[in-house]
């Protein structure tokens, strides 16, 4: 509650931007530049977000395992890069603030 009083609406907006930004950029790049099929692209975005419920929903909606093709490698990369780069980002944010 203290953070919301201190930063106001900027804090929830920053969270929305940080979450949706990479997903929307990935959607644009995957669809326009890489010409990926939608189920595989959405699977890759679910993997990038490390979202197991999202891939389960995609598999249920498509009725096949096509989204899992895009999910596996991005999920593995995210699980390695997030813990490695998290402290770096926090350290850089501390130096800027």
PDB file of N, CA and C in Angstrom:
ATOM      1  N   UNK A   1       0.816  -1.184   0.000  1.00  0.00           N
ATOM      2  CA  UNK A   1       0.000   0.000   0.000  1.00  0.00           C
ATOM      3  C   UNK A   1       0.868   1.259   0.000  1.00  0.00           C
ATOM      4  N   UNK A   2       1.994   1.185   0.691  1.00  0.00           N
ATOM      5  CA  UNK A   2       2.893   2.337   0.768  1.00  0.00           C
ATOM      6  C   UNK A   2       3.412   2.711  -0.618  1.00  0.00           C
ATOM      7  N   UNK A   3       3.741   1.687  -1.428  1.00  0.00           N
ATOM      8  CA  UNK A   3       4.259   1.947  -2.766  1.00  0.00           C
ATOM      9  C   UNK A   3       3.222   2.601  -3.661  1.00  0.00           C
ATOM     10  N   UNK A   4       1.964   2.180  -3.534  1.00  0.00           N
ATOM     11  CA  UNK A   4       0.911   2.783  -4.354  1.00  0.00           C
ATOM     12  C   UNK A   4       0.688   4.230  -3.934  1.00  0.00           C
ATOM     13  N   UNK A   5       0.747   4.504  -2.626  1.00  0.00           N
ATOM     14  CA  UNK A   5       0.626   5.893  -2.170  1.00  0.00           C
ATOM     15  C   UNK A   5       1.797   6.736  -2.664  1.00  0.00           C
ATOM     16  N   UNK A   6       2.975   6.138  -2.699  1.00  0.00           N
ATOM     17  CA  UNK A   6       4.177   6.874  -3.093  1.00  0.00           C
ATOM     18  C   UNK A   6       4.246   7.099  -4.603  1.00  0.00           C
ATOM     19  N   UNK A   7       3.920   6.074  -5.398  1.00  0.00           N
ATOM     20  CA  UNK A   7       4.075   6.178  -6.845  1.00  0.00           C
ATOM     21  C   UNK A   7       2.768   6.339  -7.599  1.00  0.00           C
ATOM     22  N   UNK A   8       1.645   6.153  -6.934  1.00  0.00           N
ATOM     23  CA  UNK A   8       0.344   6.337  -7.570  1.00  0.00           C
ATOM     24  C   UNK A   8       0.076   5.327  -8.664  1.00  0.00           C
ATOM     25  N   UNK A   9      -0.526   5.796  -9.731  1.00  0.00           N
ATOM     26  CA  UNK A   9      -0.933   4.924 -10.833  1.00  0.00           C
ATOM     27  C   UNK A   9       0.267   4.463 -11.665  1.00  0.00           C
ATOM     28  N   UNK A  10       1.406   5.115 -11.518  1.00  0.00           N
ATOM     29  CA  UNK A  10       2.599   4.759 -12.309  1.00  0.00           C
ATOM     30  C   UNK A  10       3.047   3.322 -12.035  1.00  0.00           C
ATOM     31  N   UNK A  11       2.905   2.847 -10.817  1.00  0.00           N
ATOM     32  CA  UNK A  11       3.359   1.494 -10.473  1.00  0.00           C
ATOM     33  C   UNK A  11       2.547   0.412 -11.186  1.00  0.00           C
ATOM     34  N   UNK A  12       1.219   0.438 -11.130  1.00  0.00           N
ATOM     35  CA  UNK A  12       0.471  -0.580 -11.893  1.00  0.00           C
ATOM     36  C   UNK A  12       0.658  -0.439 -13.402  1.00  0.00           C
ATOM     37  N   UNK A  13       0.768   0.789 -13.900  1.00  0.00           N
ATOM     38  CA  UNK A  13       0.991   0.981 -15.331  1.00  0.00           C
ATOM     39  C   UNK A  13       2.337   0.421 -15.767  1.00  0.00           C
ATOM     40  N   UNK A  14       3.357   0.614 -14.957  1.00  0.00           N
ATOM     41  CA  UNK A  14       4.677   0.055 -15.272  1.00  0.00           C
ATOM     42  C   UNK A  14       4.612  -1.470 -15.319  1.00  0.00           C
ATOM     43  N   UNK A  15       3.863  -2.077 -14.407  1.00  0.00           N
ATOM     44  CA  UNK A  15       3.701  -3.527 -14.407  1.00  0.00           C
ATOM     45  C   UNK A  15       3.011  -4.023 -15.668  1.00  0.00           C
ATOM     46  N   UNK A  16       2.000  -3.301 -16.108  1.00  0.00           N
ATOM     47  CA  UNK A  16       1.286  -3.674 -17.325  1.00  0.00           C
ATOM     48  C   UNK A  16       2.203  -3.552 -18.540  1.00  0.00           C
ATOM     49  N   UNK A  17       2.973  -2.479 -18.609  1.00  0.00           N
ATOM     50  CA  UNK A  17       3.884  -2.263 -19.737  1.00  0.00           C
ATOM     51  C   UNK A  17       4.981  -3.315 -19.763  1.00  0.00           C
ATOM     52  N   UNK A  18       5.535  -3.633 -18.592  1.00  0.00           N
ATOM     53  CA  UNK A  18       6.609  -4.624 -18.518  1.00  0.00           C
ATOM     54  C   UNK A  18       6.097  -6.011 -18.906  1.00  0.00           C
ATOM     55  N   UNK A  19       4.848  -6.286 -18.621  1.00  0.00           N
ATOM     56  CA  UNK A  19       4.277  -7.595 -18.954  1.00  0.00           C
ATOM     57  C   UNK A  19       3.824  -7.669 -20.409  1.00  0.00           C
ATOM     58  N   UNK A  20       3.093  -6.675 -20.864  1.00  0.00           N
ATOM     59  CA  UNK A  20       2.541  -6.714 -22.212  1.00  0.00           C
ATOM     60  C   UNK A  20       3.541  -6.317 -23.291  1.00  0.00           C
ATOM     61  N   UNK A  21       4.491  -5.460 -22.966  1.00  0.00           N
ATOM     62  CA  UNK A  21       5.450  -4.964 -23.961  1.00  0.00           C
ATOM     63  C   UNK A  21       6.167  -6.070 -24.716  1.00  0.00           C
ATOM     64  N   UNK A  22       6.913  -6.940 -24.023  1.00  0.00           N
ATOM     65  CA  UNK A  22       7.616  -8.010 -24.738  1.00  0.00           C
ATOM     66  C   UNK A  22       6.677  -8.953 -25.493  1.00  0.00           C
ATOM     67  N   UNK A  23       5.517  -9.220 -24.935  1.00  0.00           N
ATOM     68  CA  UNK A  23       4.576 -10.123 -25.608  1.00  0.00           C
ATOM     69  C   UNK A  23       4.055  -9.497 -26.904  1.00  0.00           C
ATOM     70  N   UNK A  24       3.733  -8.220 -26.872  1.00  0.00           N
ATOM     71  CA  UNK A  24       3.233  -7.555 -28.076  1.00  0.00           C
ATOM     72  C   UNK A  24       4.316  -7.415 -29.136  1.00  0.00           C
ATOM     73  N   UNK A  25       5.544  -7.108 -28.716  1.00  0.00           N
ATOM     74  CA  UNK A  25       6.658  -7.034 -29.664  1.00  0.00           C
ATOM     75  C   UNK A  25       6.895  -8.408 -30.287  1.00  0.00           C
ATOM     76  N   UNK A  26       6.860  -9.453 -29.468  1.00  0.00           N
ATOM     77  CA  UNK A  26       7.040 -10.813 -29.979  1.00  0.00           C
ATOM     78  C   UNK A  26       5.930 -11.192 -30.946  1.00  0.00           C
ATOM     79  N   UNK A  27       4.717 -10.796 -30.649  1.00  0.00           N
ATOM     80  CA  UNK A  27       3.587 -11.078 -31.538  1.00  0.00           C
ATOM     81  C   UNK A  27       3.788 -10.388 -32.886  1.00  0.00           C
ATOM     82  N   UNK A  28       4.196  -9.143 -32.853  1.00  0.00           N
ATOM     83  CA  UNK A  28       4.421  -8.387 -34.083  1.00  0.00           C
ATOM     84  C   UNK A  28       5.567  -8.982 -34.901  1.00  0.00           C
ATOM     85  N   UNK A  29       6.709  -9.216 -34.257  1.00  0.00           N
ATOM     86  CA  UNK A  29       7.879  -9.753 -34.959  1.00  0.00           C
ATOM     87  C   UNK A  29       7.600 -11.157 -35.482  1.00  0.00           C
ATOM     88  N   UNK A  30       6.994 -11.990 -34.659  1.00  0.00           N
ATOM     89  CA  UNK A  30       6.714 -13.362 -35.066  1.00  0.00           C
ATOM     90  C   UNK A  30       5.743 -13.457 -36.223  1.00  0.00           C
ATOM     91  N   UNK A  31       4.777 -12.585 -36.235  1.00  0.00           N
ATOM     92  CA  UNK A  31       3.750 -12.646 -37.282  1.00  0.00           C
ATOM     93  C   UNK A  31       4.200 -11.958 -38.562  1.00  0.00           C
ATOM     94  N   UNK A  32       4.796 -10.767 -38.460  1.00  0.00           N
ATOM     95  CA  UNK A  32       5.120 -10.003 -39.663  1.00  0.00           C
ATOM     96  C   UNK A  32       6.489 -10.368 -40.245  1.00  0.00           C
ATOM     97  N   UNK A  33       7.493 -10.498 -39.407  1.00  0.00           N
ATOM     98  CA  UNK A  33       8.841 -10.745 -39.920  1.00  0.00           C
ATOM     99  C   UNK A  33       9.144 -12.233 -40.095  1.00  0.00           C
ATOM    100  N   UNK A  34       8.775 -13.039 -39.103  1.00  0.00           N
ATOM    101  CA  UNK A  34       9.104 -14.459 -39.141  1.00  0.00           C
ATOM    102  C   UNK A  34       8.023 -15.314 -39.795  1.00  0.00           C
ATOM    103  N   UNK A  35       6.830 -14.734 -39.988  1.00  0.00           N
ATOM    104  CA  UNK A  35       5.705 -15.436 -40.617  1.00  0.00           C
ATOM    105  C   UNK A  35       5.375 -16.760 -39.935  1.00  0.00           C
ATOM    106  N   UNK A  36       5.389 -16.780 -38.605  1.00  0.00           N
ATOM    107  CA  UNK A  36       5.077 -17.987 -37.846  1.00  0.00           C
ATOM    108  C   UNK A  36       3.567 -18.224 -37.818  1.00  0.00           C
ATOM    109  N   UNK A  37       3.187 -19.482 -37.757  1.00  0.00           N
ATOM    110  CA  UNK A  37       1.775 -19.816 -37.583  1.00  0.00           C
ATOM    111  C   UNK A  37       1.330 -19.363 -36.198  1.00  0.00           C
ATOM    112  N   UNK A  38       0.079 -18.951 -36.098  1.00  0.00           N
ATOM    113  CA  UNK A  38      -0.438 -18.389 -34.849  1.00  0.00           C
ATOM    114  C   UNK A  38      -0.317 -19.343 -33.659  1.00  0.00           C
ATOM    115  N   UNK A  39      -0.705 -20.613 -33.760  1.00  0.00           N
ATOM    116  CA  UNK A  39      -0.585 -21.478 -32.575  1.00  0.00           C
ATOM    117  C   UNK A  39       0.861 -21.618 -32.083  1.00  0.00           C
ATOM    118  N   UNK A  40       1.807 -21.753 -33.025  1.00  0.00           N
ATOM    119  CA  UNK A  40       3.193 -21.897 -32.627  1.00  0.00           C
ATOM    120  C   UNK A  40       3.724 -20.587 -32.024  1.00  0.00           C
ATOM    121  N   UNK A  41       3.330 -19.466 -32.589  1.00  0.00           N
ATOM    122  CA  UNK A  41       3.750 -18.157 -32.085  1.00  0.00           C
ATOM    123  C   UNK A  41       3.196 -17.907 -30.681  1.00  0.00           C
ATOM    124  N   UNK A  42       1.927 -18.219 -30.475  1.00  0.00           N
ATOM    125  CA  UNK A  42       1.343 -18.033 -29.149  1.00  0.00           C
ATOM    126  C   UNK A  42       1.978 -18.969 -28.127  1.00  0.00           C
ATOM    127  N   UNK A  43       2.350 -20.165 -28.559  1.00  0.00           N
ATOM    128  CA  UNK A  43       3.078 -21.075 -27.685  1.00  0.00           C
ATOM    129  C   UNK A  43       4.434 -20.505 -27.288  1.00  0.00           C
ATOM    130  N   UNK A  44       5.128 -19.886 -28.245  1.00  0.00           N
ATOM    131  CA  UNK A  44       6.417 -19.270 -27.956  1.00  0.00           C
ATOM    132  C   UNK A  44       6.270 -18.108 -26.981  1.00  0.00           C
ATOM    133  N   UNK A  45       5.228 -17.329 -27.140  1.00  0.00           N
ATOM    134  CA  UNK A  45       4.993 -16.210 -26.228  1.00  0.00           C
ATOM    135  C   UNK A  45       4.647 -16.729 -24.834  1.00  0.00           C
ATOM    136  N   UNK A  46       3.883 -17.806 -24.752  1.00  0.00           N
ATOM    137  CA  UNK A  46       3.581 -18.417 -23.450  1.00  0.00           C
ATOM    138  C   UNK A  46       4.862 -18.910 -22.789  1.00  0.00           C
ATOM    139  N   UNK A  47       5.765 -19.466 -23.569  1.00  0.00           N
ATOM    140  CA  UNK A  47       7.040 -19.917 -23.030  1.00  0.00           C
ATOM    141  C   UNK A  47       7.911 -18.769 -22.578  1.00  0.00           C
ATOM    142  N   UNK A  48       7.911 -17.692 -23.332  1.00  0.00           N
ATOM    143  CA  UNK A  48       8.694 -16.518 -22.954  1.00  0.00           C
ATOM    144  C   UNK A  48       8.194 -15.935 -21.631  1.00  0.00           C
ATOM    145  N   UNK A  49       6.904 -16.041 -21.388  1.00  0.00           N
ATOM    146  CA  UNK A  49       6.336 -15.538 -20.140  1.00  0.00           C
ATOM    147  C   UNK A  49       6.380 -16.585 -19.026  1.00  0.00           C
ATOM    148  N   UNK A  50       6.917 -17.770 -19.319  1.00  0.00           N
ATOM    149  CA  UNK A  50       6.978 -18.893 -18.365  1.00  0.00           C
ATOM    150  C   UNK A  50       5.589 -19.232 -17.829  1.00  0.00           C
ATOM    151  N   UNK A  51       4.613 -19.278 -18.730  1.00  0.00           N
ATOM    152  CA  UNK A  51       3.224 -19.473 -18.323  1.00  0.00           C
ATOM    153  C   UNK A  51       2.715 -20.859 -18.712  1.00  0.00           C
ATOM    154  N   UNK A  52       2.775 -21.772 -17.764  1.00  0.00           N
ATOM    155  CA  UNK A  52       2.258 -23.114 -17.993  1.00  0.00           C
ATOM    156  C   UNK A  52       0.741 -23.122 -18.186  1.00  0.00           C
ATOM    157  N   UNK A  53      -0.037 -22.326 -17.435  1.00  0.00           N
ATOM    158  CA  UNK A  53      -1.481 -22.305 -17.691  1.00  0.00           C
ATOM    159  C   UNK A  53      -1.818 -21.824 -19.103  1.00  0.00           C
ATOM    160  N   UNK A  54      -1.027 -20.905 -19.640  1.00  0.00           N
ATOM    161  CA  UNK A  54      -1.294 -20.406 -20.995  1.00  0.00           C
ATOM    162  C   UNK A  54      -1.092 -21.502 -22.033  1.00  0.00           C
ATOM    163  N   UNK A  55      -0.027 -22.291 -21.894  1.00  0.00           N
ATOM    164  CA  UNK A  55       0.198 -23.357 -22.872  1.00  0.00           C
ATOM    165  C   UNK A  55      -0.875 -24.438 -22.741  1.00  0.00           C
ATOM    166  N   UNK A  56      -1.320 -24.702 -21.528  1.00  0.00           N
ATOM    167  CA  UNK A  56      -2.404 -25.671 -21.335  1.00  0.00           C
ATOM    168  C   UNK A  56      -3.678 -25.199 -22.020  1.00  0.00           C
ATOM    169  N   UNK A  57      -3.972 -23.919 -21.893  1.00  0.00           N
ATOM    170  CA  UNK A  57      -5.163 -23.364 -22.541  1.00  0.00           C
ATOM    171  C   UNK A  57      -5.019 -23.403 -24.059  1.00  0.00           C
ATOM    172  N   UNK A  58      -3.830 -23.101 -24.574  1.00  0.00           N
ATOM    173  CA  UNK A  58      -3.613 -23.142 -26.018  1.00  0.00           C
ATOM    174  C   UNK A  58      -3.784 -24.553 -26.576  1.00  0.00           C
ATOM    175  N   UNK A  59      -3.234 -25.534 -25.876  1.00  0.00           N
ATOM    176  CA  UNK A  59      -3.371 -26.919 -26.317  1.00  0.00           C
ATOM    177  C   UNK A  59      -4.842 -27.334 -26.288  1.00  0.00           C
ATOM    178  N   UNK A  60      -5.562 -26.907 -25.276  1.00  0.00           N
ATOM    179  CA  UNK A  60      -6.985 -27.244 -25.183  1.00  0.00           C
ATOM    180  C   UNK A  60      -7.791 -26.593 -26.306  1.00  0.00           C
ATOM    181  N   UNK A  61      -7.470 -25.339 -26.627  1.00  0.00           N
ATOM    182  CA  UNK A  61      -8.220 -24.628 -27.665  1.00  0.00           C
ATOM    183  C   UNK A  61      -7.900 -25.180 -29.052  1.00  0.00           C
ATOM    184  N   UNK A  62      -6.615 -25.444 -29.324  1.00  0.00           N
ATOM    185  CA  UNK A  62      -6.248 -25.938 -30.652  1.00  0.00           C
ATOM    186  C   UNK A  62      -6.602 -27.406 -30.840  1.00  0.00           C
ATOM    187  N   UNK A  63      -6.652 -28.154 -29.750  1.00  0.00           N
ATOM    188  CA  UNK A  63      -6.965 -29.566 -29.849  1.00  0.00           C
ATOM    189  C   UNK A  63      -5.790 -30.428 -30.281  1.00  0.00           C
ATOM    190  N   UNK A  64      -4.600 -29.827 -30.355  1.00  0.00           N
ATOM    191  CA  UNK A  64      -3.393 -30.584 -30.690  1.00  0.00           C
ATOM    192  C   UNK A  64      -2.193 -29.959 -29.970  1.00  0.00           C
ATOM    193  N   UNK A  65      -1.018 -30.516 -30.173  1.00  0.00           N
ATOM    194  CA  UNK A  65       0.172 -30.074 -29.438  1.00  0.00           C
ATOM    195  C   UNK A  65       1.031 -29.091 -30.223  1.00  0.00           C
ATOM    196  N   UNK A  66       0.511 -28.494 -31.291  1.00  0.00           N
ATOM    197  CA  UNK A  66       1.299 -27.556 -32.100  1.00  0.00           C
ATOM    198  C   UNK A  66       1.882 -26.402 -31.281  1.00  0.00           C
ATOM    199  N   UNK A  67       1.147 -25.779 -30.354  1.00  0.00           N
ATOM    200  CA  UNK A  67       1.733 -24.676 -29.583  1.00  0.00           C
ATOM    201  C   UNK A  67       2.949 -25.095 -28.750  1.00  0.00           C
ATOM    202  N   UNK A  68       3.038 -26.364 -28.410  1.00  0.00           N
ATOM    203  CA  UNK A  68       4.152 -26.837 -27.587  1.00  0.00           C
ATOM    204  C   UNK A  68       5.475 -26.728 -28.338  1.00  0.00           C
ATOM    205  N   UNK A  69       5.429 -26.776 -29.676  1.00  0.00           N
ATOM    206  CA  UNK A  69       6.648 -26.646 -30.472  1.00  0.00           C
ATOM    207  C   UNK A  69       7.319 -25.306 -30.192  1.00  0.00           C
ATOM    208  N   UNK A  70       6.558 -24.236 -30.159  1.00  0.00           N
ATOM    209  CA  UNK A  70       7.115 -22.917 -29.875  1.00  0.00           C
ATOM    210  C   UNK A  70       7.409 -22.704 -28.400  1.00  0.00           C
ATOM    211  N   UNK A  71       6.702 -23.415 -27.551  1.00  0.00           N
ATOM    212  CA  UNK A  71       6.811 -23.218 -26.106  1.00  0.00           C
ATOM    213  C   UNK A  71       8.118 -23.744 -25.518  1.00  0.00           C
ATOM    214  N   UNK A  72       8.565 -24.898 -25.980  1.00  0.00           N
ATOM    215  CA  UNK A  72       9.649 -25.600 -25.295  1.00  0.00           C
ATOM    216  C   UNK A  72      10.941 -24.807 -25.240  1.00  0.00           C
ATOM    217  N   UNK A  73      11.413 -24.286 -26.357  1.00  0.00           N
ATOM    218  CA  UNK A  73      12.704 -23.599 -26.354  1.00  0.00           C
ATOM    219  C   UNK A  73      12.630 -22.251 -25.644  1.00  0.00           C
ATOM    220  N   UNK A  74      11.531 -21.507 -25.842  1.00  0.00           N
ATOM    221  CA  UNK A  74      11.442 -20.211 -25.173  1.00  0.00           C
ATOM    222  C   UNK A  74      11.269 -20.380 -23.666  1.00  0.00           C
ATOM    223  N   UNK A  75      10.567 -21.424 -23.248  1.00  0.00           N
ATOM    224  CA  UNK A  75      10.424 -21.701 -21.818  1.00  0.00           C
ATOM    225  C   UNK A  75      11.776 -22.030 -21.195  1.00  0.00           C
ATOM    226  N   UNK A  76      12.558 -22.863 -21.885  1.00  0.00           N
ATOM    227  CA  UNK A  76      13.884 -23.221 -21.375  1.00  0.00           C
ATOM    228  C   UNK A  76      14.792 -22.002 -21.297  1.00  0.00           C
ATOM    229  N   UNK A  77      14.795 -21.183 -22.342  1.00  0.00           N
ATOM    230  CA  UNK A  77      15.626 -19.970 -22.329  1.00  0.00           C
ATOM    231  C   UNK A  77      15.191 -19.006 -21.224  1.00  0.00           C
ATOM    232  N   UNK A  78      13.886 -18.840 -21.061  1.00  0.00           N
ATOM    233  CA  UNK A  78      13.391 -17.930 -20.027  1.00  0.00           C
ATOM    234  C   UNK A  78      13.774 -18.410 -18.632  1.00  0.00           C
ATOM    235  N   UNK A  79      13.721 -19.716 -18.424  1.00  0.00           N
ATOM    236  CA  UNK A  79      14.075 -20.246 -17.101  1.00  0.00           C
ATOM    237  C   UNK A  79      15.559 -20.104 -16.795  1.00  0.00           C
ATOM    238  N   UNK A  80      16.387 -19.948 -17.801  1.00  0.00           N
ATOM    239  CA  UNK A  80      17.809 -19.715 -17.584  1.00  0.00           C
ATOM    240  C   UNK A  80      18.099 -18.217 -17.497  1.00  0.00           C
ATOM    241  N   UNK A  81      17.527 -17.436 -18.417  1.00  0.00           N
ATOM    242  CA  UNK A  81      17.852 -16.015 -18.482  1.00  0.00           C
ATOM    243  C   UNK A  81      17.226 -15.180 -17.370  1.00  0.00           C
ATOM    244  N   UNK A  82      16.007 -15.497 -16.962  1.00  0.00           N
ATOM    245  CA  UNK A  82      15.357 -14.698 -15.915  1.00  0.00           C
ATOM    246  C   UNK A  82      16.145 -14.682 -14.602  1.00  0.00           C
ATOM    247  N   UNK A  83      16.584 -15.828 -14.082  1.00  0.00           N
ATOM    248  CA  UNK A  83      17.363 -15.776 -12.842  1.00  0.00           C
ATOM    249  C   UNK A  83      18.747 -15.131 -13.017  1.00  0.00           C
ATOM    250  N   UNK A  84      19.316 -15.246 -14.209  1.00  0.00           N
ATOM    251  CA  UNK A  84      20.635 -14.650 -14.433  1.00  0.00           C
ATOM    252  C   UNK A  84      20.567 -13.140 -14.621  1.00  0.00           C
ATOM    253  N   UNK A  85      19.566 -12.671 -15.346  1.00  0.00           N
ATOM    254  CA  UNK A  85      19.477 -11.253 -15.649  1.00  0.00           C
ATOM    255  C   UNK A  85      18.696 -10.454 -14.608  1.00  0.00           C
ATOM    256  N   UNK A  86      17.907 -11.122 -13.775  1.00  0.00           N
ATOM    257  CA  UNK A  86      17.140 -10.415 -12.742  1.00  0.00           C
ATOM    258  C   UNK A  86      18.011  -9.576 -11.816  1.00  0.00           C
ATOM    259  N   UNK A  87      19.048 -10.154 -11.211  1.00  0.00           N
ATOM    260  CA  UNK A  87      19.912  -9.351 -10.338  1.00  0.00           C
ATOM    261  C   UNK A  87      20.613  -8.214 -11.081  1.00  0.00           C
ATOM    262  N   UNK A  88      20.932  -8.422 -12.341  1.00  0.00           N
ATOM    263  CA  UNK A  88      21.558  -7.368 -13.131  1.00  0.00           C
ATOM    264  C   UNK A  88      20.620  -6.177 -13.300  1.00  0.00           C
ATOM    265  N   UNK A  89      19.372  -6.457 -13.618  1.00  0.00           N
ATOM    266  CA  UNK A  89      18.387  -5.394 -13.795  1.00  0.00           C
ATOM    267  C   UNK A  89      18.149  -4.657 -12.476  1.00  0.00           C
ATOM    268  N   UNK A  90      18.047  -5.394 -11.389  1.00  0.00           N
ATOM    269  CA  UNK A  90      17.842  -4.763 -10.079  1.00  0.00           C
ATOM    270  C   UNK A  90      19.048  -3.885  -9.725  1.00  0.00           C
ATOM    271  N   UNK A  91      20.250  -4.387  -9.998  1.00  0.00           N
ATOM    272  CA  UNK A  91      21.446  -3.595  -9.722  1.00  0.00           C
ATOM    273  C   UNK A  91      21.508  -2.329 -10.539  1.00  0.00           C
ATOM    274  N   UNK A  92      21.148  -2.426 -11.823  1.00  0.00           N
ATOM    275  CA  UNK A  92      21.148  -1.236 -12.668  1.00  0.00           C
ATOM    276  C   UNK A  92      20.065  -0.244 -12.239  1.00  0.00           C
ATOM    277  N   UNK A  93      18.919  -0.756 -11.848  1.00  0.00           N
ATOM    278  CA  UNK A  93      17.838   0.127 -11.388  1.00  0.00           C
ATOM    279  C   UNK A  93      18.252   0.837 -10.098  1.00  0.00           C
ATOM    280  N   UNK A  94      18.996   0.140  -9.238  1.00  0.00           N
ATOM    281  CA  UNK A  94      19.461   0.772  -7.996  1.00  0.00           C
ATOM    282  C   UNK A  94      20.454   1.882  -8.254  1.00  0.00           C
ATOM    283  N   UNK A  95      21.282   1.748  -9.262  1.00  0.00           N
ATOM    284  CA  UNK A  95      22.265   2.778  -9.598  1.00  0.00           C
ATOM    285  C   UNK A  95      21.621   3.987 -10.264  1.00  0.00           C
ATOM    286  N   UNK A  96      20.503   3.742 -10.947  1.00  0.00           N
ATOM    287  CA  UNK A  96      19.817   4.849 -11.623  1.00  0.00           C
ATOM    288  C   UNK A  96      18.983   5.670 -10.658  1.00  0.00           C
ATOM    289  N   UNK A  97      18.526   5.024  -9.591  1.00  0.00           N
ATOM    290  CA  UNK A  97      17.605   5.691  -8.673  1.00  0.00           C
ATOM    291  C   UNK A  97      18.265   6.296  -7.551  1.00  0.00           C
TER     292      UNK A  97
END
